[in-house]
């Protein structure tokens, strides 16, 4: 086999593997498997179909469904036309779908069959949508509109006017404050991320990549490109539930990216589940903090598994820093398990005082700024928001508070908006969360600031307890006070069955704060 050419456009490597190993396994989903030749043919037919619908450079199509290879096919096909795929969160309510589809300007909308009832309630409001094509989960049925549409098309190659600066993906932020923003990612940004972010992964012949994160999240749509770039087969799950993940591992998947909450569920599921997940060579985690006790338990349960932590944002196409396997098991520096690792190739990091915009000293906290070719083109239809986020010199203001130590390891402490200021003291919620997570009864914890007439705001913890355990509010407060300055320890603790999370696995602190701040003149959201 000859050496693969330089990866320039999003669809380069799929075409390359289709040429070099057309009969090799490329993608498995719900019992169906496609070879590289078959999968590339589907993308080329989808491109022909989009062209027939008048989709060209600068246009947008939309995709609303749970995980499905068709979403990847449409992303690649649209990119080959110089167009973008706006992937909509399938868990969104009707009004949220309405906003995202209209904000993106999507002219063609691909919709999962089970989500069509949502679309039918808002169809008259989708003013730009000229065609809706329904996708069924299993495919191949006589009534599968997407498969029928695909089969009717003439395959075509990449359009001549396509540029690497063309927007190919529009990913909507989680919308923790106000309406979500459409984040425009170019072909150049996505390719740069693919080349840089899986540095050190070490895919080997015989490996299979499990794609379980939702494709409306960069953890899904960016991650799926790793296997395609390296010619490694992927196993995609429709949902990230235990049965689906187990099925993917049994199908040979041995490398994956998941949120920490999934890891907690596996460890709670019993010895059979723990043994099965021990087949993973690589377990990459991110998108939410990993409680240290959970990480230590996982590393003990799977001593042969390489753990990789990643920190990043949709605005940089995914990963910005990584804590590699050797850092996880470095007995000389156990403190680095609390870090997010070092910048990946192509990423520069600054720590800046958010008030003065001056760089702070090594080891001091400030706002994390990033500069990278992975950076978004901007926020769709929001030039003023883009100008606030991307400042002089091409630096992106993340809105995260953190520090860099003398070894170059990045520590992410909090979101600026999540930092608690009590009596003039800055309190970083992850520091308090890490302490409470060490309590033997605590399964997961979120720390928020709640209003206080004397101190402005004080610390509250919301915890979920492990099955068949108990812990009183005072017990948890005392536990924290023994290990933290008193002003950092929670003044109150609420116990709940489970913490609210968005589909990406992030805890919805805004939802937890709402009842305490609602109706106040100064509300933290």
Protein backbone atom coordinates (compact mmCIF):
# COMPACT_ATOMS: atom_id res chain seq x y z
CA UNK A 1 0.00 0.00 0.00
CA UNK A 2 1.36 3.44 -0.93
CA UNK A 3 1.66 6.22 1.62
CA UNK A 4 -1.52 8.19 2.25
CA UNK A 5 -1.49 11.72 0.83
CA UNK A 6 -1.64 14.79 3.03
CA UNK A 7 -5.04 15.19 4.68
CA UNK A 8 -6.44 18.48 3.36
CA UNK A 9 -10.22 18.20 2.95
CA UNK A 10 -12.64 16.49 5.31
CA UNK A 11 -13.47 13.71 2.84
CA UNK A 12 -9.89 13.01 1.71
CA UNK A 13 -9.19 9.96 3.83
CA UNK A 14 -12.50 8.21 3.25
CA UNK A 15 -11.82 8.35 -0.50
CA UNK A 16 -8.25 7.18 0.06
CA UNK A 17 -9.22 4.08 2.03
CA UNK A 18 -11.97 3.31 -0.49
CA UNK A 19 -9.28 3.28 -3.17
CA UNK A 20 -6.67 1.33 -1.20
CA UNK A 21 -8.80 -1.18 0.74
CA UNK A 22 -12.27 -1.07 -0.85
CA UNK A 23 -13.34 -4.37 0.77
CA UNK A 24 -12.04 -3.56 4.23
CA UNK A 25 -14.49 -3.01 7.10
CA UNK A 26 -15.25 0.68 7.67
CA UNK A 27 -18.41 1.13 9.76
CA UNK A 28 -20.73 -1.15 11.74
CA UNK A 29 -24.09 0.05 13.08
CA UNK A 30 -27.10 -1.87 14.41
CA UNK A 31 -25.96 -5.09 12.79
CA UNK A 32 -25.11 -3.58 9.41
CA UNK A 33 -21.52 -3.21 8.16
CA UNK A 34 -20.17 -1.17 5.25
CA UNK A 35 -16.79 -1.52 3.57
CA UNK A 36 -14.68 1.53 2.74
CA UNK A 37 -15.74 1.25 -0.88
CA UNK A 38 -19.43 1.02 0.01
CA UNK A 39 -19.29 3.85 2.52
CA UNK A 40 -17.46 6.18 0.16
CA UNK A 41 -19.99 5.36 -2.56
CA UNK A 42 -22.81 6.35 -0.19
CA UNK A 43 -21.11 9.67 0.53
CA UNK A 44 -20.58 10.34 -3.16
CA UNK A 45 -24.24 9.51 -3.87
CA UNK A 46 -25.32 11.80 -1.04
CA UNK A 47 -23.21 14.55 -2.61
CA UNK A 48 -24.97 13.93 -5.92
CA UNK A 49 -28.32 14.09 -4.16
CA UNK A 50 -27.48 17.39 -2.46
CA UNK A 51 -26.31 18.81 -5.77
CA UNK A 52 -29.60 17.77 -7.37
CA UNK A 53 -31.41 19.66 -4.58
CA UNK A 54 -29.41 22.79 -5.39
CA UNK A 55 -27.05 22.60 -2.42
CA UNK A 56 -23.73 24.25 -3.14
CA UNK A 57 -20.99 26.29 -1.57
CA UNK A 58 -22.18 28.34 1.41
CA UNK A 59 -25.46 26.46 1.82
CA UNK A 60 -26.57 24.58 4.93
CA UNK A 61 -28.37 21.29 5.48
CA UNK A 62 -29.58 20.03 8.84
CA UNK A 63 -29.60 16.67 10.60
CA UNK A 64 -31.86 15.74 13.53
CA UNK A 65 -31.58 12.19 14.82
CA UNK A 66 -29.83 10.01 17.34
CA UNK A 67 -26.47 8.61 16.26
CA UNK A 68 -26.62 7.26 12.73
CA UNK A 69 -23.92 6.81 10.05
CA UNK A 70 -26.16 8.84 7.74
CA UNK A 71 -25.22 11.91 9.77
CA UNK A 72 -21.54 11.36 8.97
CA UNK A 73 -22.41 10.69 5.34
CA UNK A 74 -24.30 13.98 5.08
CA UNK A 75 -21.50 15.88 6.85
CA UNK A 76 -18.94 14.57 4.37
CA UNK A 77 -21.23 14.98 1.37
CA UNK A 78 -22.10 18.56 2.32
CA UNK A 79 -18.42 19.37 2.86
CA UNK A 80 -17.64 18.10 -0.63
CA UNK A 81 -20.16 20.64 -1.93
CA UNK A 82 -18.67 23.48 0.14
CA UNK A 83 -21.78 23.35 2.33
CA UNK A 84 -22.26 22.75 6.06
CA UNK A 85 -24.22 20.24 8.10
CA UNK A 86 -25.98 21.79 11.11
CA UNK A 87 -26.40 18.89 13.54
CA UNK A 88 -29.26 19.57 15.93
CA UNK A 89 -29.47 18.16 19.44
CA UNK A 90 -32.11 15.45 19.13
CA UNK A 91 -33.14 15.95 22.76
CA UNK A 92 -34.21 19.52 22.06
CA UNK A 93 -37.80 20.62 22.50
CA UNK A 94 -39.79 21.81 19.49
CA UNK A 95 -39.04 25.49 20.04
CA UNK A 96 -35.32 24.74 20.37
CA UNK A 97 -35.33 22.72 17.14
CA UNK A 98 -37.25 25.54 15.47
CA UNK A 99 -34.58 28.04 16.57
CA UNK A 100 -31.58 25.93 15.50
CA UNK A 101 -32.96 24.97 12.08
CA UNK A 102 -34.04 28.53 11.27
CA UNK A 103 -30.90 30.12 12.71
CA UNK A 104 -28.71 27.82 10.60
CA UNK A 105 -30.69 28.54 7.44
CA UNK A 106 -30.89 24.83 6.59
CA UNK A 107 -32.54 24.21 3.21
CA UNK A 108 -32.69 20.42 3.45
CA UNK A 109 -33.45 18.63 6.72
CA UNK A 110 -32.71 14.97 7.45
CA UNK A 111 -34.84 13.71 10.34
CA UNK A 112 -34.96 10.45 12.26
CA UNK A 113 -38.33 8.74 11.93
CA UNK A 114 -38.99 8.77 15.67
CA UNK A 115 -38.40 12.54 15.78
CA UNK A 116 -40.78 13.41 12.95
CA UNK A 117 -43.65 14.16 15.40
CA UNK A 118 -41.58 17.07 16.72
CA UNK A 119 -40.98 18.36 13.20
CA UNK A 120 -44.65 18.04 12.27
CA UNK A 121 -45.63 20.40 15.10
CA UNK A 122 -43.28 23.13 13.85
CA UNK A 123 -43.16 22.43 10.09
CA UNK A 124 -44.90 25.69 9.16
CA UNK A 125 -42.24 27.64 11.09
CA UNK A 126 -39.26 26.13 9.25
CA UNK A 127 -39.30 28.80 6.59
CA UNK A 128 -36.03 27.91 4.83
CA UNK A 129 -36.52 24.14 4.67
CA UNK A 130 -37.36 23.06 1.12
CA UNK A 131 -37.14 19.28 1.60
CA UNK A 132 -37.38 16.89 4.54
CA UNK A 133 -35.89 13.40 4.17
CA UNK A 134 -36.73 10.80 6.83
CA UNK A 135 -34.08 8.40 8.13
CA UNK A 136 -35.00 5.14 9.89
CA UNK A 137 -32.68 3.61 12.49
CA UNK A 138 -32.32 0.16 10.92
CA UNK A 139 -32.41 1.26 7.27
CA UNK A 140 -33.00 -1.02 4.34
CA UNK A 141 -36.76 -1.03 4.76
CA UNK A 142 -39.03 -0.37 1.83
CA UNK A 143 -40.27 2.77 3.54
CA UNK A 144 -36.81 4.16 4.34
CA UNK A 145 -36.90 7.46 2.51
CA UNK A 146 -33.20 8.20 3.04
CA UNK A 147 -32.07 4.87 1.57
CA UNK A 148 -34.42 5.26 -1.37
CA UNK A 149 -33.19 8.82 -1.97
CA UNK A 150 -29.56 7.69 -1.77
CA UNK A 151 -30.11 4.83 -4.18
CA UNK A 152 -31.55 7.15 -6.83
CA UNK A 153 -28.54 9.47 -6.93
CA UNK A 154 -25.57 9.63 -9.28
CA UNK A 155 -22.25 9.67 -7.41
CA UNK A 156 -20.19 12.84 -7.88
CA UNK A 157 -16.80 14.03 -6.65
CA UNK A 158 -15.84 17.13 -4.73
CA UNK A 159 -16.95 20.41 -6.30
CA UNK A 160 -14.19 22.49 -7.92
CA UNK A 161 -14.94 25.63 -5.93
CA UNK A 162 -14.60 24.05 -2.47
CA UNK A 163 -12.14 25.74 -0.09
CA UNK A 164 -10.62 24.47 3.14
CA UNK A 165 -11.93 27.70 4.71
CA UNK A 166 -15.52 26.67 3.99
CA UNK A 167 -17.70 25.98 7.02
CA UNK A 168 -18.51 22.26 7.05
CA UNK A 169 -20.13 21.82 10.48
CA UNK A 170 -22.40 23.99 12.59
CA UNK A 171 -22.58 22.75 16.16
CA UNK A 172 -24.91 24.45 18.61
CA UNK A 173 -23.67 25.26 22.10
CA UNK A 174 -25.52 23.83 25.07
CA UNK A 175 -27.21 27.19 25.64
CA UNK A 176 -26.61 27.47 29.38
CA UNK A 177 -27.35 31.19 29.11
CA UNK A 178 -29.90 32.41 26.59
CA UNK A 179 -30.20 30.92 23.12
CA UNK A 180 -27.51 28.47 22.00
CA UNK A 181 -24.93 29.82 19.55
CA UNK A 182 -24.14 28.18 16.23
CA UNK A 183 -20.41 27.44 16.19
CA UNK A 184 -19.00 27.42 12.65
CA UNK A 185 -16.22 24.90 12.09
CA UNK A 186 -14.29 24.90 8.82
CA UNK A 187 -12.79 22.00 6.92
CA UNK A 188 -9.32 23.27 7.87
CA UNK A 189 -10.24 23.33 11.57
CA UNK A 190 -11.70 19.82 11.52
CA UNK A 191 -8.70 18.38 9.69
CA UNK A 192 -6.27 20.16 12.03
CA UNK A 193 -8.11 18.68 15.00
CA UNK A 194 -8.01 15.21 13.46
CA UNK A 195 -4.26 15.43 12.93
CA UNK A 196 -3.45 16.95 16.32
CA UNK A 197 -5.95 15.60 18.82
CA UNK A 198 -5.27 11.88 18.43
CA UNK A 199 -1.55 12.38 18.71
CA UNK A 200 -0.19 9.48 20.77
CA UNK A 201 -3.28 7.28 20.49
CA UNK A 202 -1.44 4.53 18.68
CA UNK A 203 -4.18 2.90 16.59
CA UNK A 204 -2.93 -0.50 15.50
CA UNK A 205 -4.06 -3.04 12.89
CA UNK A 206 -7.01 -4.97 14.30
CA UNK A 207 -8.26 -2.07 16.42
CA UNK A 208 -11.82 -0.82 16.22
CA UNK A 209 -13.05 2.58 17.38
CA UNK A 210 -16.31 2.83 19.33
CA UNK A 211 -18.26 5.99 18.41
CA UNK A 212 -20.76 6.43 21.22
CA UNK A 213 -20.76 10.16 21.98
CA UNK A 214 -23.66 12.01 20.29
CA UNK A 215 -22.82 13.35 16.85
CA UNK A 216 -24.38 16.73 17.69
CA UNK A 217 -21.40 17.08 20.06
CA UNK A 218 -17.80 17.46 18.86
CA UNK A 219 -17.03 14.44 21.02
CA UNK A 220 -18.95 12.46 18.41
CA UNK A 221 -18.47 14.28 15.11
CA UNK A 222 -14.79 15.08 15.66
CA UNK A 223 -13.97 11.73 17.21
CA UNK A 224 -15.48 9.68 14.37
CA UNK A 225 -12.89 11.24 12.05
CA UNK A 226 -10.02 9.56 13.92
CA UNK A 227 -10.90 6.08 12.73
CA UNK A 228 -11.60 7.32 9.20
CA UNK A 229 -8.26 9.13 9.07
CA UNK A 230 -6.31 6.03 10.13
CA UNK A 231 -8.38 3.48 8.21
CA UNK A 232 -9.56 1.82 11.42
CA UNK A 233 -13.11 0.33 11.47
CA UNK A 234 -15.66 2.10 13.63
CA UNK A 235 -18.55 0.65 15.60
CA UNK A 236 -21.24 3.28 16.15
CA UNK A 237 -23.87 3.00 18.86
CA UNK A 238 -27.24 4.70 18.50
CA UNK A 239 -27.32 5.46 22.24
CA UNK A 240 -24.56 5.46 24.86
CA UNK A 241 -26.46 3.05 27.12
CA UNK A 242 -24.84 0.08 28.81
CA UNK A 243 -26.27 -2.57 26.49
CA UNK A 244 -25.17 -0.68 23.36
CA UNK A 245 -21.66 -0.07 24.70
CA UNK A 246 -21.34 -3.71 25.71
CA UNK A 247 -22.51 -4.77 22.26
CA UNK A 248 -19.89 -2.58 20.60
CA UNK A 249 -17.12 -4.06 22.75
CA UNK A 250 -18.32 -7.57 21.94
CA UNK A 251 -18.17 -6.55 18.27
CA UNK A 252 -14.48 -5.79 18.73
CA UNK A 253 -14.39 -2.10 19.64
CA UNK A 254 -11.39 -1.48 21.87
CA UNK A 255 -10.81 2.29 21.77
CA UNK A 256 -13.35 4.92 22.72
CA UNK A 257 -14.18 8.38 24.06
CA UNK A 258 -16.90 8.72 26.71
CA UNK A 259 -17.97 11.03 29.51
CA UNK A 260 -17.02 10.14 33.13
CA UNK A 261 -20.64 9.45 34.07
CA UNK A 262 -20.56 6.34 31.85
CA UNK A 263 -17.50 5.08 33.67
CA UNK A 264 -19.30 5.44 37.00
CA UNK A 265 -22.24 3.42 35.69
CA UNK A 266 -19.93 0.62 34.54
CA UNK A 267 -18.18 0.37 37.90
CA UNK A 268 -21.57 0.26 39.63
CA UNK A 269 -22.88 -2.44 37.27
CA UNK A 270 -20.95 -5.32 38.79
CA UNK A 271 -17.99 -7.60 38.01
CA UNK A 272 -19.25 -8.84 34.63
CA UNK A 273 -19.48 -5.30 33.26
CA UNK A 274 -16.11 -4.38 34.72
CA UNK A 275 -14.51 -7.44 33.14
CA UNK A 276 -16.07 -6.69 29.74
CA UNK A 277 -14.86 -3.09 29.70
CA UNK A 278 -11.38 -4.35 30.54
CA UNK A 279 -11.14 -5.23 26.83
CA UNK A 280 -10.68 -1.53 26.04
CA UNK A 281 -7.11 -0.60 25.14
CA UNK A 282 -7.88 3.11 25.40
CA UNK A 283 -10.50 4.90 27.45
CA UNK A 284 -10.51 8.60 26.70
CA UNK A 285 -12.72 10.78 28.84
CA UNK A 286 -13.69 14.44 28.93
CA UNK A 287 -16.58 16.93 28.47
CA UNK A 288 -17.08 16.84 32.27
CA UNK A 289 -14.79 16.55 35.31
CA UNK A 290 -13.71 13.09 36.47
CA UNK A 291 -13.97 12.76 40.28
CA UNK A 292 -10.57 11.53 41.57
CA UNK A 293 -12.03 8.57 43.50
CA UNK A 294 -13.78 7.37 40.34
CA UNK A 295 -10.60 7.72 38.28
CA UNK A 296 -8.53 5.84 40.84
CA UNK A 297 -11.13 3.06 40.99
CA UNK A 298 -11.16 2.78 37.18
CA UNK A 299 -7.37 2.67 36.93
CA UNK A 300 -7.31 -0.08 39.56
CA UNK A 301 -10.09 -2.03 37.84
CA UNK A 302 -8.41 -1.84 34.42
CA UNK A 303 -4.63 -1.83 34.96
CA UNK A 304 -3.93 -2.64 31.30
CA UNK A 305 -6.14 0.14 29.90
CA UNK A 306 -4.59 3.41 28.72
CA UNK A 307 -6.52 6.35 30.16
CA UNK A 308 -6.47 9.71 28.37
CA UNK A 309 -8.16 12.83 29.67
CA UNK A 310 -9.00 15.63 27.25
CA UNK A 311 -10.03 19.24 27.77
CA UNK A 312 -11.45 21.38 25.02
CA UNK A 313 -14.40 23.23 23.60
CA UNK A 314 -16.60 23.08 20.53
CA UNK A 315 -15.06 26.41 19.49
CA UNK A 316 -11.71 24.65 18.91
CA UNK A 317 -13.30 21.62 17.23
CA UNK A 318 -12.87 19.53 20.36
CA UNK A 319 -9.62 18.77 22.15
CA UNK A 320 -7.09 21.42 23.27
CA UNK A 321 -5.09 19.57 25.95
CA UNK A 322 -4.59 15.94 26.87
CA UNK A 323 -3.37 14.01 29.90
CA UNK A 324 -1.73 10.96 28.39
CA UNK A 325 -1.54 7.40 29.78
CA UNK A 326 1.99 7.81 31.14
CA UNK A 327 0.85 10.89 33.08
CA UNK A 328 -2.05 8.96 34.64
CA UNK A 329 0.25 6.35 36.13
CA UNK A 330 3.19 8.61 36.99
CA UNK A 331 3.88 7.81 40.66
CA UNK A 332 6.29 10.75 40.90
CA UNK A 333 3.55 13.28 40.06
CA UNK A 334 0.18 12.09 41.41
CA UNK A 335 -1.01 15.71 41.51
CA UNK A 336 -1.15 15.72 37.71
CA UNK A 337 -4.24 13.51 37.83
CA UNK A 338 -6.03 16.73 38.77
CA UNK A 339 -4.77 18.47 35.63
CA UNK A 340 -6.08 18.46 32.07
CA UNK A 341 -2.62 17.62 30.75
CA UNK A 342 -0.49 19.49 28.27
CA UNK A 343 -1.50 21.27 25.03
CA UNK A 344 -1.86 19.01 22.01
CA UNK A 345 0.29 19.82 18.96
CA UNK A 346 -0.75 23.07 17.33
CA UNK A 347 -2.36 24.57 20.44
CA UNK A 348 -0.91 27.53 22.37
CA UNK A 349 -2.12 28.41 25.87
CA UNK A 350 -2.06 31.68 27.82
CA UNK A 351 -3.39 32.37 31.31
CA UNK A 352 -4.70 35.92 31.44
CA UNK A 353 -6.08 38.15 34.18
CA UNK A 354 -9.66 38.69 32.94
CA UNK A 355 -9.75 42.20 34.41
CA UNK A 356 -6.40 43.60 33.18
CA UNK A 357 -5.88 41.23 30.21
CA UNK A 358 -2.27 40.80 31.33
CA UNK A 359 -0.63 37.37 31.48
CA UNK A 360 -0.35 36.05 35.02
CA UNK A 361 2.64 34.31 36.58
CA UNK A 362 3.17 30.56 36.32
CA UNK A 363 0.95 28.82 38.84
CA UNK A 364 -1.47 31.75 39.17
CA UNK A 365 -5.14 31.55 38.21
CA UNK A 366 -6.60 33.44 35.27
CA UNK A 367 -8.71 32.96 32.17
CA UNK A 368 -7.50 30.27 29.77
CA UNK A 369 -6.84 31.63 26.28
CA UNK A 370 -6.13 29.37 23.30
CA UNK A 371 -4.66 29.91 19.85
CA UNK A 372 -4.86 27.12 17.30
CA UNK A 373 -5.66 26.38 13.63
CA UNK A 374 -8.57 24.34 15.03
CA UNK A 375 -10.38 27.55 16.00
CA UNK A 376 -13.92 28.14 14.79
CA UNK A 377 -14.66 30.66 12.07
CA UNK A 378 -17.03 32.35 14.49
CA UNK A 379 -20.54 32.26 15.89
CA UNK A 380 -23.17 32.07 13.16
CA UNK A 381 -25.08 35.35 12.72
CA UNK A 382 -23.38 36.83 15.82
CA UNK A 383 -20.42 38.99 14.79
CA UNK A 384 -20.43 40.93 18.08
CA UNK A 385 -20.25 37.71 20.12
CA UNK A 386 -17.47 36.47 17.84
CA UNK A 387 -15.49 39.68 18.37
CA UNK A 388 -15.75 39.25 22.15
CA UNK A 389 -14.54 35.64 22.00
CA UNK A 390 -11.73 35.95 19.42
CA UNK A 391 -9.44 38.84 20.24
CA UNK A 392 -6.31 40.41 18.79
CA UNK A 393 -3.72 37.92 17.64
CA UNK A 394 -6.28 35.19 17.04
CA UNK A 395 -6.59 34.27 20.73
CA UNK A 396 -9.81 32.62 21.87
CA UNK A 397 -11.14 33.49 25.31
CA UNK A 398 -12.48 30.24 26.72
CA UNK A 399 -14.32 31.68 29.73
CA UNK A 400 -12.61 29.01 31.86
CA UNK A 401 -10.52 29.81 34.91
CA UNK A 402 -7.33 27.81 35.38
CA UNK A 403 -3.58 27.82 35.67
CA UNK A 404 -0.44 26.29 34.11
CA UNK A 405 2.25 24.76 36.34
CA UNK A 406 6.00 24.79 35.80
CA UNK A 407 5.79 21.55 33.84
CA UNK A 408 3.31 23.04 31.37
CA UNK A 409 0.32 21.10 32.71
CA UNK A 410 -2.99 22.93 32.47
CA UNK A 411 -5.40 22.90 35.41
CA UNK A 412 -9.02 23.90 34.73
CA UNK A 413 -10.64 25.22 37.89
CA UNK A 414 -14.00 26.60 36.89
CA UNK A 415 -16.07 28.55 34.43
CA UNK A 416 -15.81 32.29 35.09
CA UNK A 417 -19.57 32.41 35.47
CA UNK A 418 -19.48 29.46 37.91
CA UNK A 419 -16.88 30.94 40.24
CA UNK A 420 -18.37 31.67 43.65
CA UNK A 421 -17.44 35.00 45.29
CA UNK A 422 -18.24 34.88 48.99
CA UNK A 423 -17.28 37.87 51.13
CA UNK A 424 -14.73 38.91 48.53
CA UNK A 425 -13.09 35.46 48.41
CA UNK A 426 -12.95 33.54 45.13
CA UNK A 427 -14.08 29.93 45.54
CA UNK A 428 -13.65 27.42 42.72
CA UNK A 429 -16.40 24.83 42.84
CA UNK A 430 -14.28 21.92 41.48
CA UNK A 431 -11.98 22.23 44.51
CA UNK A 432 -14.94 21.73 46.85
CA UNK A 433 -16.40 19.02 44.61
CA UNK A 434 -13.13 17.06 44.66
CA UNK A 435 -13.15 17.04 48.47
CA UNK A 436 -16.77 15.94 48.81
CA UNK A 437 -16.27 13.28 46.13
CA UNK A 438 -13.83 11.58 48.51
CA UNK A 439 -16.63 10.89 51.02
CA UNK A 440 -17.39 7.15 50.83
CA UNK A 441 -21.14 7.71 50.40
CA UNK A 442 -20.96 10.34 47.63
CA UNK A 443 -21.57 9.16 44.06
CA UNK A 444 -21.55 12.58 42.38
CA UNK A 445 -21.61 16.19 43.51
CA UNK A 446 -22.15 19.69 42.17
CA UNK A 447 -21.25 22.85 44.06
CA UNK A 448 -23.04 26.14 43.37
CA UNK A 449 -23.27 29.60 44.86
CA UNK A 450 -26.56 30.66 46.43
CA UNK A 451 -27.53 34.16 47.58
CA UNK A 452 -26.67 35.34 51.08
CA UNK A 453 -27.56 38.72 52.56
CA UNK A 454 -24.27 39.03 54.43
CA UNK A 455 -21.70 37.41 52.15
CA UNK A 456 -23.32 38.00 48.74
CA UNK A 457 -23.31 34.29 48.06
CA UNK A 458 -22.29 31.15 49.91
CA UNK A 459 -21.46 27.60 48.95
CA UNK A 460 -24.14 24.94 48.54
CA UNK A 461 -23.49 21.32 47.57
CA UNK A 462 -25.97 19.10 45.77
CA UNK A 463 -25.05 15.41 46.04
CA UNK A 464 -26.29 12.04 44.88
CA UNK A 465 -25.37 9.15 47.16
CA UNK A 466 -24.18 5.68 46.24
CA UNK A 467 -26.79 2.91 46.46
CA UNK A 468 -27.40 1.58 49.95
CA UNK A 469 -25.44 4.37 51.65
CA UNK A 470 -26.47 7.30 53.83
CA UNK A 471 -24.89 10.59 54.84
CA UNK A 472 -26.47 13.51 56.67
CA UNK A 473 -26.14 17.14 55.66
CA UNK A 474 -24.06 17.94 58.75
CA UNK A 475 -21.82 14.93 58.18
CA UNK A 476 -20.96 16.13 54.68
CA UNK A 477 -20.42 19.72 55.83
CA UNK A 478 -18.10 18.54 58.61
CA UNK A 479 -16.24 16.31 56.16
CA UNK A 480 -15.54 19.32 53.93
CA UNK A 481 -14.58 21.60 56.84
CA UNK A 482 -11.95 19.13 57.98
CA UNK A 483 -10.26 19.42 54.58
CA UNK A 484 -10.97 22.99 53.42
CA UNK A 485 -10.93 26.52 54.74
CA UNK A 486 -14.30 27.12 56.36
CA UNK A 487 -15.31 29.79 53.84
CA UNK A 488 -14.91 27.21 51.06
CA UNK A 489 -16.95 24.49 52.79
CA UNK A 490 -20.66 24.26 51.94
CA UNK A 491 -23.09 25.99 54.27
CA UNK A 492 -25.83 23.63 53.14
CA UNK A 493 -26.15 20.30 51.34
CA UNK A 494 -29.09 18.95 49.35
CA UNK A 495 -29.33 15.23 48.58
CA UNK A 496 -30.95 14.21 45.29
CA UNK A 497 -31.32 10.96 43.36
CA UNK A 498 -29.34 12.20 40.34
CA UNK A 499 -27.82 15.46 39.15
CA UNK A 500 -29.31 17.07 36.03
CA UNK A 501 -27.07 16.78 32.98
CA UNK A 502 -27.17 17.89 29.39
CA UNK A 503 -26.74 15.29 26.60
CA UNK A 504 -22.98 15.89 26.64
CA UNK A 505 -22.76 14.78 30.24
CA UNK A 506 -22.19 18.22 31.76
CA UNK A 507 -24.00 18.95 35.00
CA UNK A 508 -26.59 21.70 34.55
CA UNK A 509 -25.55 24.04 37.33
CA UNK A 510 -27.75 26.75 35.91
CA UNK A 511 -30.76 24.52 36.55
CA UNK A 512 -29.59 23.85 40.11
CA UNK A 513 -29.10 27.57 40.79
CA UNK A 514 -32.36 28.70 39.25
CA UNK A 515 -34.67 28.24 42.25
CA UNK A 516 -32.32 30.19 44.50
CA UNK A 517 -31.60 33.16 42.20
CA UNK A 518 -34.90 33.50 40.34
CA UNK A 519 -36.53 36.89 40.84
CA UNK A 520 -33.44 38.59 42.24
CA UNK A 521 -32.01 41.77 40.77
CA UNK A 522 -28.58 40.17 40.41
CA UNK A 523 -28.85 36.56 39.35
CA UNK A 524 -25.97 34.24 38.54
CA UNK A 525 -26.85 32.09 35.54
